[in-house]
Structures are given as C-alpha cells and as structure tokens.
Amino acid sequence: MKLRQFSLRLLAGAIALAASFVPSLLHAASDAPKNVLFIVSDDLNTRLGCYGDPQVKTPNLDRLARRGVLFNRAYCAFPLCGPSRNSFLTGLYPNSTGIIANAQIFRQSIPEQPSMPQLFRQKGYLAVRIGKMYHYGVPKSIGTVGHDDPASWEIQLNPAGVDRTEEESQIFSLTPGQFGGTLSWYASPKDDRLHTDGLHASDAEWVLERCAKDRSRPFFLGVGFFRPHTPYVSPNGYFQKYPEAEMPLVTGVAEDQADIPAPALGSHKKEQEKLTDELRRKAVQAYYASISFMDAQLGRVIESLDRLGLSENTVIVFTSDHGYHLGEHGLWQKMSLFEESARVPLLVVAPGMKKGVQAASPVSLVDLLPTLGELCGVPVPDNVQGQSLVPMLKDPSKEGRGWALTQVARGAGNWGRASARSDVGSEGKMFFGYSLRTAKWRYTEWDEGRKGRELYDHDNDPKEINNLAEKQEHQGTVAMLSGQLQSAVASSLPKSGKMPEVKSGLWAPQYIE
C-alpha cells in the first residue's frame, strides 16, 4: 500500500511538473517562425465556387476559403503574366519595377531589389519553387526555368508532363501550331498525375514531407500551377463535368461596345473572330475543366500539408497573376482594364486570423509582400508600395487603402514585347491606361484621358455595361475619381518619379545578400 501511495504521489508530481512546462511549450510553438505556402494559378479569374459561381466546381478552393479570409475585391497591378508576377514578387508597381512585358525580369531594371522569396531566404527559410512563379512561356518553357530569378530560390523544380512532352500535336488551336497566346484546348486521356500540374502536386508533397521530417528551418514553398492557362489541357474526366450545351455565352456585345473607347478593346485578337457559338462553348468548357483539374491538384497539396501536421504553423496564400475574359465585351483572355481581366481570386489562411469570412474593400497583389512580412516577422524594404492586409485578416470590415490600381500598355505593336520607356506619350507609339477600382466605382483613363475615359457603377452595373464617363450628371464623380487616380499613379512611381529603364543582358545575381 505504501509503495502504491508513493507511486501515485510520484505520478502526480510528474504530471504537475509536465503541466508547468505546457505554457512555455505553447509559447515556444507560437513564437516559432511561420511557414509560407504560396500558390499561384495561371490566368485564373473568379469563376470559382467560393466566389459564387454556380457552375464551376472547385471543392478544394471552397474548403480553403472556409479556413481563412476571401478577399472579394482583389486586383492585379498589370493584367499580363510577367509584369504582374514581377510586381507582386517585389511588392512594387510596374511603374517602379520597369517591367511591362513578359520577356523582362526585374533584375534588368532594379537589380538590387530583393524579391519576396529572397527576403525569406535571407531570414533562414528554405525557399523552394515548383513550376511557374516568375514568367514562363507556356507551353514551350514548361520543364525549364523560364524567366526565373535564381537569387529567389534554394531549390527549383521544373517538371514537364504529358501535356508538354506528348500531347501538343493533338491540341486544337484557333491558329494551328500556336498554343500559349491563342485559344486552344484538348481533353486528354491521360491520368492527372502524368500532367504537369499533377507533377507539381507530387513534387509539393515530396517537399512538404522533407520539411515535416526536418523542422529546423521554416519553409517558403511557391507552387505555380499552369492551368487554366492556354492550352486548356486537362484529363477528359474534367471536361465531362461541364456539358458543352450548358456553357454560357455572352450576348449583346455590339450594343455593349458602342460606348467603350477603342483602347479599352485593344486586347482583341483577329483570330478570335473565327469563334462560332460552338467554338465559344468548347473554349468555356475547356477553361472550366482546367480550373477543376487545377483545383484537384491544389487539394492534394493542402491535404499533404494537413496530413503532415504543418497546417497550424503555415500561412497559405492562393491567388492568380490576373483575371481572364471569356467573351465579355467581345474580349477573350487578358490585357484589358475591365473587371474580368483585372480582378483576381485571393485567399489568405493565417494562424490566429479570421476564418470563413470575406473582406470587401479593394486590395492589390502588391499588398502580399508586406502582409507576409508582418505575419512571419520578415522585414521588408522601405520602398515596398503595398499595404499590409493583416488588419483585414483580423477584422475583414477594415477598409485599408480603399482602392486598387491596375495599368496596361497600348500602342506599341505587339504589347507582349512593348518597350518599358516611360517617356512616350500621346504622340509616341506607346501609352498607358490606368484604372482605379473603389468599392463602388471603376474609373479608367486612357493616355491621361486623351484617348478616352470609362466610369462604371458597380452597385448597379457589376458587368460594366454602361459607361457613365460622358454623362453630364456624373462629371463631379469623374473629376473626383480622376484626382484620386492621379494620386494613385503618382504613388506607384519610384522616388525619382520615372519608370526604371530595362537594361538587356543582365540576369539575376547568384547570391542572396
């Protein structure tokens, strides 16, 4: 009996001693550096279940949205892959990176500026890239480093699946033999895991398993899915989710275009005039199928994060580089300043922040760097131009900046290879369009208004059909928003007031300091 009482007293003492350590252990866990899982889908608009779309099936994104904050009005800085990605990966607007075309990289204009993953590397993070984070030529650059920045990453993985290695000869294209910038699609008979994005998910699982086994360093894992970028290639099962006859078509285009300035329609491509109603439905079907395929691969990555016990200390960001047209205003793809092209999905899941809520105030992708810096205790450069979204993650009713700025270039021939000179105006070959999105309004000026203005009331006209800019009763609103737009544009410039010049022949340095 005495031995049993002694044993019980010993056990009680051990329990009490262990309990005394619990608060300190919890405190230590909360102080541990947070990991980052940064996921970017290519050319994805907000036709997602969590954004209220009634047709597109995205169960994994829908579940992810319930775990964090969905930003309902998030916008890119430039609706083209290269400029947008260089922008959000540096926290600078294109006017400060100097990057307004796909083939450019920020090391050619601001070589000393650290990138988002580079900043995390400098703080001891394992920085890994899988797939497309900076610009890639799709599909020809798949399996290569593309226009990557070596200083940003410790590990780079560039898989190429059957969509790149075997199936290109089977792809239908409006312009035969062209896929990346042309509407093109293919329903593949091959399994998910054989496609490039399926390989991305497998590689992400492998990286997360390594990070779970060795937790001595936090990680910054960037996963860049290619879909739904053209060519819209995904396994046939995803096409079957979307019967062709049920695919929506945009109508009333001629009437809609009557009050739109010509530069606003400048992203139209001649080849798109080949689109019959049948081809339009096929294109929408293939785009939707690619979204659902990408969603399934994302689900594998999130499931792995959860299974390995990494979720509780990981910040998850999901977004896209820009939005996408599916016939609205007679346009397809990107490079417009309409809502469909400028708006992006943005989900942020962060430990200790709100869950399953939406933030309504407009935000920009340039806000991601200061947000992740604050969440993870990683200092960011003083010249970063975004705002931290942490206050909105804590209280989604916060307004923050209250507007988002998007710009695009026009008039330089092939806009994908436009010069980045900042001194060409209305008499030159290139000019800019700038669009300001507030909670109620979208206001756009082309060449400072010389080539047209647009004003849309999103409370009453969410599809941006009725341009109010020339209506007499709205001139006060135009004047007010024009002043606000000019201030926003000024804030997007570097301190010199001029866009940096892009110097050819420079590449990313091979060091991280």
Protein backbone atom coordinates (compact mmCIF):
# COMPACT_ATOMS: atom_id res chain seq x y z
CA MET A 1 0.00 0.00 0.00
CA LYS A 2 2.78 2.43 0.93
CA LEU A 3 4.53 1.62 -2.36
CA ARG A 4 1.32 2.31 -4.29
CA GLN A 5 0.78 5.65 -2.47
CA PHE A 6 4.39 6.62 -3.20
CA SER A 7 3.91 5.72 -6.86
CA LEU A 8 0.73 7.79 -7.07
CA ARG A 9 2.49 10.76 -5.42
CA LEU A 10 5.37 10.34 -7.88
CA LEU A 11 2.97 10.22 -10.83
CA ALA A 12 1.11 13.29 -9.59
CA GLY A 13 4.38 15.15 -9.22
CA ALA A 14 5.40 14.19 -12.74
CA ILE A 15 2.07 15.39 -14.11
CA ALA A 16 2.39 18.67 -12.22
CA LEU A 17 5.93 19.12 -13.47
CA ALA A 18 4.85 18.43 -17.06
CA ALA A 19 1.92 20.82 -16.72
CA SER A 20 4.29 23.56 -15.60
CA PHE A 21 6.05 23.24 -18.94
CA VAL A 22 2.89 23.40 -21.09
CA PRO A 23 2.51 27.22 -21.16
CA SER A 24 6.16 27.67 -22.07
CA LEU A 25 5.93 24.98 -24.73
CA LEU A 26 2.82 26.59 -26.21
CA HIS A 27 4.53 29.96 -26.11
CA ALA A 28 7.55 28.50 -27.87
CA ALA A 29 5.32 26.97 -30.54
CA SER A 30 3.53 30.28 -31.11
CA ASP A 31 6.91 32.02 -31.41
CA ALA A 32 8.20 29.55 -33.99
CA PRO A 33 8.69 31.11 -37.43
CA LYS A 34 5.65 30.62 -39.63
CA ASN A 35 5.96 28.68 -42.86
CA VAL A 36 4.54 30.03 -46.12
CA LEU A 37 2.73 28.05 -48.81
CA PHE A 38 2.34 30.47 -51.73
CA ILE A 39 0.19 29.07 -54.55
CA VAL A 40 -0.37 30.87 -57.85
CA SER A 41 -2.73 29.65 -60.57
CA ASP A 42 -2.09 30.96 -64.08
CA ASP A 43 -4.72 33.07 -65.92
CA LEU A 44 -7.46 32.33 -63.38
CA ASN A 45 -10.50 34.57 -63.00
CA THR A 46 -13.05 34.43 -60.18
CA ARG A 47 -15.31 31.81 -61.76
CA LEU A 48 -14.98 29.68 -58.64
CA GLY A 49 -17.48 28.15 -56.30
CA CYS A 50 -16.23 30.17 -53.33
CA TYR A 51 -16.74 33.37 -55.36
CA GLY A 52 -20.35 32.44 -56.05
CA ASP A 53 -20.08 30.89 -59.50
CA PRO A 54 -22.99 28.46 -59.93
CA GLN A 55 -21.29 26.17 -62.46
CA VAL A 56 -17.56 25.83 -61.84
CA LYS A 57 -16.70 23.05 -59.43
CA THR A 58 -13.84 23.94 -57.07
CA PRO A 59 -14.42 21.94 -53.87
CA ASN A 60 -10.85 22.28 -52.60
CA LEU A 61 -10.72 26.04 -53.05
CA ASP A 62 -14.14 26.28 -51.43
CA ARG A 63 -12.85 24.40 -48.38
CA LEU A 64 -9.72 26.53 -48.29
CA ALA A 65 -11.84 29.70 -48.31
CA ARG A 66 -13.68 28.45 -45.22
CA ARG A 67 -10.33 28.24 -43.41
CA GLY A 68 -9.35 31.88 -43.92
CA VAL A 69 -10.25 35.22 -45.44
CA LEU A 70 -11.54 35.57 -49.00
CA PHE A 71 -10.75 38.96 -50.49
CA ASN A 72 -13.74 39.70 -52.69
CA ARG A 73 -12.20 42.68 -54.48
CA ALA A 74 -8.57 41.81 -55.16
CA TYR A 75 -6.80 43.15 -58.26
CA CYS A 76 -3.57 42.69 -60.16
CA ALA A 77 -1.28 45.62 -60.95
CA PHE A 78 -0.92 44.69 -64.63
CA PRO A 79 -3.05 42.06 -66.43
CA LEU A 80 -0.18 40.19 -68.07
CA CYS A 81 1.82 37.33 -66.55
CA GLY A 82 5.36 38.77 -66.47
CA PRO A 83 4.60 42.31 -65.27
CA SER A 84 2.12 41.09 -62.66
CA ARG A 85 4.43 38.44 -61.22
CA ASN A 86 7.43 40.78 -61.11
CA SER A 87 5.17 43.25 -59.32
CA PHE A 88 3.76 41.08 -56.53
CA LEU A 89 7.07 39.26 -56.01
CA THR A 90 8.79 42.60 -55.30
CA GLY A 91 5.90 44.48 -53.70
CA LEU A 92 6.31 47.24 -56.30
CA TYR A 93 4.02 48.53 -59.02
CA PRO A 94 5.14 48.05 -62.65
CA ASN A 95 5.97 51.77 -62.78
CA SER A 96 8.64 51.04 -60.16
CA THR A 97 9.87 47.68 -61.46
CA GLY A 98 10.02 48.94 -65.06
CA ILE A 99 8.51 45.63 -66.19
CA ILE A 100 5.58 45.89 -68.61
CA ALA A 101 6.28 42.90 -70.90
CA ASN A 102 6.65 39.16 -70.47
CA ALA A 103 10.28 38.75 -71.52
CA GLN A 104 11.58 41.21 -68.92
CA ILE A 105 12.75 40.50 -65.39
CA PHE A 106 13.19 42.97 -62.57
CA ARG A 107 16.94 42.28 -62.31
CA GLN A 108 17.25 44.13 -65.63
CA SER A 109 15.83 47.33 -64.15
CA ILE A 110 16.21 47.23 -60.35
CA PRO A 111 18.87 44.52 -59.81
CA GLU A 112 19.46 45.27 -56.12
CA GLN A 113 15.79 44.98 -55.12
CA PRO A 114 15.21 41.80 -53.09
CA SER A 115 12.28 39.60 -54.07
CA MET A 116 9.71 38.16 -51.71
CA PRO A 117 11.24 34.65 -51.51
CA GLN A 118 14.74 36.14 -51.40
CA LEU A 119 13.82 38.09 -48.26
CA PHE A 120 12.65 34.85 -46.65
CA ARG A 121 15.89 33.11 -47.71
CA GLN A 122 17.88 35.85 -46.02
CA LYS A 123 16.00 35.08 -42.79
CA GLY A 124 16.98 31.41 -42.94
CA TYR A 125 13.94 30.00 -44.73
CA LEU A 126 14.18 27.10 -47.15
CA ALA A 127 12.87 28.76 -50.33
CA VAL A 128 11.55 26.32 -52.93
CA ARG A 129 9.87 26.97 -56.27
CA ILE A 130 7.81 24.39 -58.13
CA GLY A 131 6.58 25.39 -61.58
CA LYS A 132 5.71 28.91 -62.72
CA MET A 133 6.34 31.72 -60.26
CA TYR A 134 8.05 34.29 -62.43
CA HIS A 135 7.14 34.29 -66.10
CA TYR A 136 7.24 31.17 -68.26
CA GLY A 137 6.40 30.92 -71.93
CA VAL A 138 3.52 28.44 -71.90
CA PRO A 139 3.74 25.72 -73.06
CA LYS A 140 7.23 25.90 -74.61
CA SER A 141 9.03 26.85 -71.37
CA ILE A 142 7.43 24.08 -69.33
CA GLY A 143 10.21 21.90 -67.94
CA THR A 144 12.71 24.78 -67.92
CA VAL A 145 13.45 27.66 -65.52
CA GLY A 146 11.63 30.12 -67.78
CA HIS A 147 12.33 33.76 -66.90
CA ASP A 148 13.14 32.81 -63.34
CA ASP A 149 15.21 34.63 -60.71
CA PRO A 150 17.93 32.32 -59.32
CA ALA A 151 18.53 34.54 -56.28
CA SER A 152 14.97 33.89 -55.09
CA TRP A 153 15.22 30.15 -54.54
CA GLU A 154 17.35 27.49 -52.90
CA ILE A 155 15.58 24.68 -54.75
CA GLN A 156 13.86 24.88 -58.14
CA LEU A 157 11.75 22.05 -59.59
CA ASN A 158 10.60 22.18 -63.21
CA PRO A 159 8.61 19.07 -64.15
CA ALA A 160 7.09 18.56 -67.58
CA GLY A 161 4.09 16.30 -68.01
CA VAL A 162 2.42 14.63 -70.95
CA ASP A 163 0.63 17.88 -71.83
CA ARG A 164 4.06 19.21 -72.84
CA THR A 165 6.00 16.10 -73.86
CA GLU A 166 3.40 14.04 -75.74
CA GLU A 167 0.13 15.75 -76.49
CA GLU A 168 0.83 19.06 -78.21
CA SER A 169 0.18 17.58 -81.66
CA GLN A 170 -3.35 16.70 -80.52
CA ILE A 171 -4.31 20.18 -79.29
CA PHE A 172 -6.95 22.14 -81.19
CA SER A 173 -5.98 25.79 -81.74
CA LEU A 174 -7.64 28.74 -83.46
CA THR A 175 -4.21 29.26 -85.04
CA PRO A 176 -2.79 25.80 -85.79
CA GLY A 177 0.58 25.20 -84.17
CA GLN A 178 0.18 28.08 -81.69
CA PHE A 179 -0.97 27.45 -78.13
CA GLY A 180 0.33 29.82 -75.47
CA GLY A 181 -1.32 33.06 -76.60
CA THR A 182 -4.10 31.51 -78.65
CA LEU A 183 -7.36 29.89 -77.60
CA SER A 184 -6.56 26.18 -77.69
CA TRP A 185 -7.66 23.06 -75.84
CA TYR A 186 -7.51 19.27 -75.54
CA ALA A 187 -9.31 16.65 -73.48
CA SER A 188 -6.52 14.27 -72.53
CA PRO A 189 -6.97 10.53 -71.96
CA LYS A 190 -4.04 10.55 -69.52
CA ASP A 191 -4.26 10.49 -65.71
CA ASP A 192 -3.96 13.61 -63.51
CA ARG A 193 -0.58 12.63 -62.12
CA LEU A 194 1.00 12.45 -65.57
CA HIS A 195 0.18 16.07 -66.38
CA THR A 196 2.48 18.93 -65.45
CA ASP A 197 0.25 20.29 -62.70
CA GLY A 198 -0.16 16.77 -61.34
CA LEU A 199 3.63 16.51 -61.19
CA HIS A 200 3.70 19.89 -59.41
CA ALA A 201 1.42 18.48 -56.74
CA SER A 202 3.61 15.36 -56.39
CA ASP A 203 6.73 17.49 -56.05
CA ALA A 204 4.99 19.66 -53.45
CA GLU A 205 4.08 16.55 -51.46
CA TRP A 206 7.73 15.47 -51.56
CA VAL A 207 9.00 18.88 -50.41
CA LEU A 208 6.44 19.02 -47.57
CA GLU A 209 7.44 15.54 -46.42
CA ARG A 210 11.05 16.69 -46.22
CA CYS A 211 10.03 19.81 -44.28
CA ALA A 212 7.93 17.75 -41.87
CA LYS A 213 10.87 15.44 -41.12
CA ASP A 214 13.33 18.27 -40.59
CA ARG A 215 11.70 21.26 -38.91
CA SER A 216 14.94 23.02 -38.08
CA ARG A 217 14.18 25.62 -40.76
CA PRO A 218 10.87 27.19 -41.76
CA PHE A 219 9.94 26.99 -45.42
CA PHE A 220 8.68 29.29 -48.15
CA LEU A 221 7.19 26.99 -50.77
CA GLY A 222 6.00 28.59 -54.01
CA VAL A 223 3.80 26.36 -56.17
CA GLY A 224 2.96 27.74 -59.61
CA PHE A 225 0.21 25.79 -61.36
CA PHE A 226 -0.01 26.32 -65.14
CA ARG A 227 -3.73 25.78 -65.51
CA PRO A 228 -6.03 27.21 -66.62
CA HIS A 229 -3.56 28.98 -68.96
CA THR A 230 -3.88 28.07 -72.63
CA PRO A 231 -3.70 25.49 -73.99
CA TYR A 232 -6.59 24.34 -71.79
CA VAL A 233 -5.38 20.75 -71.39
CA SER A 234 -6.73 18.52 -68.66
CA PRO A 235 -7.87 14.90 -68.31
CA ASN A 236 -11.10 14.15 -70.10
CA GLY A 237 -13.00 13.48 -66.88
CA TYR A 238 -12.91 17.17 -66.04
CA PHE A 239 -14.40 18.06 -69.43
CA GLN A 240 -17.27 15.68 -68.70
CA LYS A 241 -18.21 17.73 -65.64
CA TYR A 242 -19.24 20.54 -67.98
CA PRO A 243 -21.65 19.54 -70.77
CA GLU A 244 -20.88 21.68 -73.79
CA ALA A 245 -24.52 22.63 -74.36
CA GLU A 246 -24.71 24.15 -70.85
CA MET A 247 -21.77 26.51 -71.27
CA PRO A 248 -22.75 30.19 -71.03
CA LEU A 249 -22.30 32.62 -73.91
CA VAL A 250 -22.01 36.40 -73.68
CA THR A 251 -24.64 38.26 -75.72
CA GLY A 252 -25.28 41.88 -76.64
CA VAL A 253 -21.62 42.58 -77.44
CA ALA A 254 -22.24 45.11 -80.24
CA GLU A 255 -24.50 47.24 -78.05
CA ASP A 256 -22.06 46.99 -75.15
CA GLN A 257 -19.09 48.14 -77.25
CA ALA A 258 -20.88 51.25 -78.53
CA ASP A 259 -19.76 53.45 -75.60
CA ILE A 260 -16.33 51.87 -74.98
CA PRO A 261 -13.15 53.79 -76.03
CA ALA A 262 -11.09 51.98 -78.67
CA PRO A 263 -8.03 51.35 -76.41
CA ALA A 264 -10.26 49.51 -73.94
CA LEU A 265 -10.84 46.89 -76.63
CA GLY A 266 -7.18 46.81 -77.67
CA SER A 267 -6.57 43.28 -76.40
CA HIS A 268 -8.86 41.83 -79.07
CA LYS A 269 -7.11 39.39 -81.41
CA LYS A 270 -8.02 38.90 -85.05
CA GLU A 271 -8.02 35.12 -84.72
CA GLN A 272 -10.87 35.31 -82.18
CA GLU A 273 -13.18 36.37 -84.99
CA LYS A 274 -13.14 32.70 -86.03
CA LEU A 275 -15.12 31.81 -82.91
CA THR A 276 -18.54 30.37 -83.68
CA ASP A 277 -21.02 29.77 -80.87
CA GLU A 278 -19.96 26.11 -80.89
CA LEU A 279 -16.30 27.03 -80.51
CA ARG A 280 -17.11 29.54 -77.77
CA ARG A 281 -18.87 26.84 -75.79
CA LYS A 282 -15.97 24.44 -76.32
CA ALA A 283 -13.49 27.09 -75.13
CA VAL A 284 -15.51 27.83 -71.99
CA GLN A 285 -15.91 24.10 -71.31
CA ALA A 286 -12.16 23.56 -71.61
CA TYR A 287 -11.36 26.56 -69.40
CA TYR A 288 -13.76 25.33 -66.71
CA ALA A 289 -12.31 21.82 -66.97
CA SER A 290 -8.80 23.22 -66.48
CA ILE A 291 -9.93 25.09 -63.37
CA SER A 292 -11.38 21.93 -61.82
CA PHE A 293 -8.24 19.99 -62.71
CA MET A 294 -6.04 22.64 -61.07
CA ASP A 295 -8.36 22.62 -58.04
CA ALA A 296 -7.87 18.86 -57.64
CA GLN A 297 -4.08 19.24 -57.66
CA LEU A 298 -4.28 22.05 -55.12
CA GLY A 299 -6.37 19.75 -52.96
CA ARG A 300 -3.54 17.20 -52.94
CA VAL A 301 -1.07 19.86 -51.73
CA ILE A 302 -3.35 21.11 -48.94
CA GLU A 303 -4.17 17.55 -47.86
CA SER A 304 -0.45 16.81 -47.61
CA LEU A 305 0.12 19.95 -45.53
CA ASP A 306 -2.65 18.84 -43.15
CA ARG A 307 -1.61 15.19 -43.00
CA LEU A 308 1.97 16.09 -42.10
CA GLY A 309 0.92 18.36 -39.25
CA LEU A 310 2.23 21.55 -40.88
CA SER A 311 -1.01 23.49 -41.24
CA GLU A 312 -1.18 25.02 -37.79
CA ASN A 313 2.02 26.99 -38.35
CA THR A 314 1.72 27.76 -42.06
CA VAL A 315 0.37 30.82 -43.84
CA ILE A 316 -1.38 29.79 -47.06
CA VAL A 317 -1.87 32.24 -49.92
CA PHE A 318 -3.78 31.35 -53.07
CA THR A 319 -4.13 33.77 -55.97
CA SER A 320 -3.63 34.25 -59.71
CA ASP A 321 -1.46 36.64 -61.70
CA HIS A 322 -4.51 38.29 -63.32
CA GLY A 323 -8.08 37.61 -64.35
CA TYR A 324 -9.46 36.37 -67.66
CA HIS A 325 -12.12 37.19 -70.24
CA LEU A 326 -14.48 34.57 -71.64
CA GLY A 327 -16.24 36.77 -74.17
CA GLU A 328 -17.27 39.73 -72.01
CA HIS A 329 -17.25 42.97 -74.04
CA GLY A 330 -16.25 40.79 -77.01
CA LEU A 331 -12.88 40.02 -75.42
CA TRP A 332 -11.07 36.81 -74.55
CA GLN A 333 -8.07 36.16 -72.31
CA LYS A 334 -6.33 39.14 -70.62
CA MET A 335 -4.75 42.58 -71.07
CA SER A 336 -7.86 44.69 -70.54
CA LEU A 337 -8.77 47.01 -67.68
CA PHE A 338 -12.25 45.59 -67.24
CA GLU A 339 -13.22 43.75 -64.06
CA GLU A 340 -12.86 40.29 -65.63
CA SER A 341 -9.20 40.89 -66.52
CA ALA A 342 -8.06 42.96 -63.55
CA ARG A 343 -9.80 41.06 -60.73
CA VAL A 344 -8.14 38.01 -59.20
CA PRO A 345 -9.08 35.43 -56.58
CA LEU A 346 -7.23 35.90 -53.30
CA LEU A 347 -7.48 33.59 -50.29
CA VAL A 348 -5.28 34.01 -47.21
CA VAL A 349 -5.25 31.43 -44.42
CA ALA A 350 -3.14 32.54 -41.45
CA PRO A 351 -2.77 31.12 -37.93
CA GLY A 352 -4.71 33.16 -35.40
CA MET A 353 -6.64 35.13 -38.02
CA LYS A 354 -10.31 35.07 -39.03
CA LYS A 355 -11.80 32.04 -40.73
CA GLY A 356 -14.59 31.64 -43.25
CA VAL A 357 -15.16 35.36 -43.82
CA GLN A 358 -14.93 37.80 -46.72
CA ALA A 359 -13.18 41.16 -46.92
CA ALA A 360 -14.95 43.60 -49.23
CA SER A 361 -12.55 46.53 -49.50
CA PRO A 362 -10.41 46.64 -52.69
CA VAL A 363 -6.86 45.31 -52.31
CA SER A 364 -3.93 44.73 -54.66
CA LEU A 365 -1.47 41.92 -55.22
CA VAL A 366 1.31 44.37 -54.29
CA ASP A 367 -0.08 44.01 -50.76
CA LEU A 368 1.07 40.41 -50.43
CA LEU A 369 4.73 41.10 -49.60
CA PRO A 370 4.12 43.47 -46.66
CA THR A 371 1.35 41.14 -45.44
CA LEU A 372 3.56 38.05 -45.38
CA GLY A 373 6.40 40.10 -43.93
CA GLU A 374 4.26 41.16 -40.98
CA LEU A 375 2.73 37.71 -40.45
CA CYS A 376 6.13 36.00 -40.45
CA GLY A 377 8.32 38.65 -38.85
CA VAL A 378 10.36 39.15 -42.03
CA PRO A 379 11.41 42.80 -42.56
CA VAL A 380 10.56 44.24 -45.98
CA PRO A 381 12.30 47.09 -47.82
CA ASP A 382 11.19 50.64 -47.11
CA ASN A 383 10.30 51.23 -50.75
CA VAL A 384 7.68 48.46 -50.89
CA GLN A 385 4.45 50.06 -52.11
CA GLY A 386 1.77 47.71 -50.83
CA GLN A 387 -0.20 47.83 -47.60
CA SER A 388 -0.25 45.05 -45.04
CA LEU A 389 -3.54 43.15 -45.06
CA VAL A 390 -3.06 41.90 -41.50
CA PRO A 391 -5.63 44.37 -40.10
CA MET A 392 -8.18 42.99 -42.58
CA LEU A 393 -7.22 39.41 -41.69
CA LYS A 394 -8.06 40.28 -38.09
CA ASP A 395 -11.16 42.32 -38.92
CA PRO A 396 -12.45 41.97 -42.52
CA SER A 397 -14.58 45.09 -42.14
CA LYS A 398 -11.43 47.25 -42.14
CA GLU A 399 -11.20 49.42 -45.24
CA GLY A 400 -7.44 49.68 -45.65
CA ARG A 401 -6.36 51.76 -48.64
CA GLY A 402 -9.84 51.53 -50.11
CA TRP A 403 -8.79 51.32 -53.77
CA ALA A 404 -6.73 49.25 -56.20
CA LEU A 405 -4.75 50.44 -59.23
CA THR A 406 -4.30 48.45 -62.44
CA GLN A 407 -2.46 49.60 -65.55
CA VAL A 408 -1.84 48.33 -69.07
CA ALA A 409 0.19 49.41 -72.11
CA ARG A 410 -1.21 50.16 -75.55
CA GLY A 411 0.05 51.17 -78.95
CA ALA A 412 3.49 49.52 -79.11
CA GLY A 413 2.67 46.97 -81.78
CA ASN A 414 2.97 43.65 -80.02
CA TRP A 415 2.12 44.54 -76.42
CA GLY A 416 3.77 41.37 -75.16
CA ARG A 417 7.15 42.81 -76.16
CA ALA A 418 6.48 46.52 -75.55
CA SER A 419 9.34 48.81 -74.59
CA ALA A 420 9.39 49.90 -70.96
CA ARG A 421 10.26 53.52 -71.76
CA SER A 422 8.34 55.97 -69.61
CA ASP A 423 8.74 58.98 -71.88
CA VAL A 424 6.35 58.03 -74.66
CA GLY A 425 3.00 59.78 -74.52
CA SER A 426 0.12 60.54 -76.82
CA GLU A 427 2.43 61.46 -79.71
CA GLY A 428 4.61 58.36 -79.30
CA LYS A 429 4.00 54.72 -80.03
CA MET A 430 3.01 53.66 -76.56
CA PHE A 431 0.69 54.96 -73.88
CA PHE A 432 -0.81 53.63 -70.67
CA GLY A 433 -4.30 53.03 -69.46
CA TYR A 434 -4.84 53.29 -65.71
CA SER A 435 -7.89 52.03 -63.85
CA LEU A 436 -8.90 52.80 -60.27
CA ARG A 437 -11.25 50.38 -58.51
CA THR A 438 -13.02 51.59 -55.40
CA ALA A 439 -15.78 49.79 -53.53
CA LYS A 440 -18.41 51.42 -55.78
CA TRP A 441 -16.65 52.62 -58.93
CA ARG A 442 -14.28 51.57 -61.68
CA TYR A 443 -12.76 54.65 -63.30
CA THR A 444 -10.33 54.33 -66.23
CA GLU A 445 -8.30 56.86 -68.19
CA TRP A 446 -6.54 56.09 -71.48
CA ASP A 447 -3.47 58.25 -72.10
CA GLU A 448 -4.50 60.56 -69.22
CA GLY A 449 -7.98 60.81 -70.73
CA ARG A 450 -6.88 61.97 -74.16
CA LYS A 451 -7.87 58.62 -75.69
CA GLY A 452 -10.97 58.03 -73.62
CA ARG A 453 -12.42 57.56 -70.15
CA GLU A 454 -14.66 54.96 -68.57
CA LEU A 455 -16.81 55.07 -65.45
CA TYR A 456 -18.82 52.11 -64.18
CA ASP A 457 -21.12 51.98 -61.15
CA HIS A 458 -20.61 48.56 -59.60
CA ASP A 459 -23.54 48.93 -57.25
CA ASN A 460 -25.89 48.97 -60.24
CA ASP A 461 -23.77 47.68 -63.13
CA PRO A 462 -21.40 44.89 -61.98
CA LYS A 463 -20.82 43.72 -65.56
CA GLU A 464 -19.58 47.20 -66.57
CA ILE A 465 -22.00 47.57 -69.47
CA ASN A 466 -22.92 51.27 -69.17
CA ASN A 467 -20.03 53.73 -69.47
CA LEU A 468 -21.06 56.82 -67.49
CA ALA A 469 -17.90 58.88 -68.07
CA GLU A 470 -19.50 61.25 -70.58
CA LYS A 471 -22.82 61.63 -68.76
CA GLN A 472 -23.32 65.18 -67.52
CA GLU A 473 -24.76 64.07 -64.20
CA HIS A 474 -21.56 62.14 -63.40
CA GLN A 475 -18.99 64.83 -64.14
CA GLY A 476 -18.48 65.55 -60.45
CA THR A 477 -17.72 61.89 -59.83
CA VAL A 478 -15.36 61.81 -62.84
CA ALA A 479 -13.46 64.84 -61.52
CA MET A 480 -13.20 63.36 -58.04
CA LEU A 481 -12.03 59.96 -59.25
CA SER A 482 -9.63 61.49 -61.78
CA GLY A 483 -7.85 63.31 -58.97
CA GLN A 484 -7.75 60.13 -56.91
CA LEU A 485 -6.42 58.18 -59.90
CA GLN A 486 -3.65 60.71 -60.50
CA SER A 487 -2.60 60.44 -56.85
CA ALA A 488 -2.61 56.64 -57.08
CA VAL A 489 -0.47 56.69 -60.22
CA ALA A 490 1.99 59.08 -58.54
CA SER A 491 2.24 56.69 -55.58
CA SER A 492 3.12 53.84 -57.97
CA LEU A 493 6.28 55.57 -59.19
CA PRO A 494 9.71 55.27 -57.57
CA LYS A 495 11.04 58.28 -55.68
CA SER A 496 12.74 59.53 -58.85
CA GLY A 497 9.31 59.90 -60.42
CA LYS A 498 10.35 57.96 -63.53
CA MET A 499 9.98 54.34 -64.50
CA PRO A 500 13.33 52.49 -64.40
CA GLU A 501 14.91 51.64 -67.73
CA VAL A 502 15.23 47.98 -68.58
CA LYS A 503 18.82 47.05 -69.43
CA SER A 504 19.30 43.99 -71.58
CA GLY A 505 21.95 41.43 -70.80
CA LEU A 506 21.53 41.48 -67.03
CA TRP A 507 20.42 38.40 -65.16
CA ALA A 508 19.73 37.63 -61.57
CA PRO A 509 22.81 37.56 -59.33
CA GLN A 510 23.77 34.19 -57.90
CA TYR A 511 23.84 35.40 -54.33
CA ILE A 512 21.18 36.25 -51.80
CA GLU A 513 22.82 39.08 -49.87
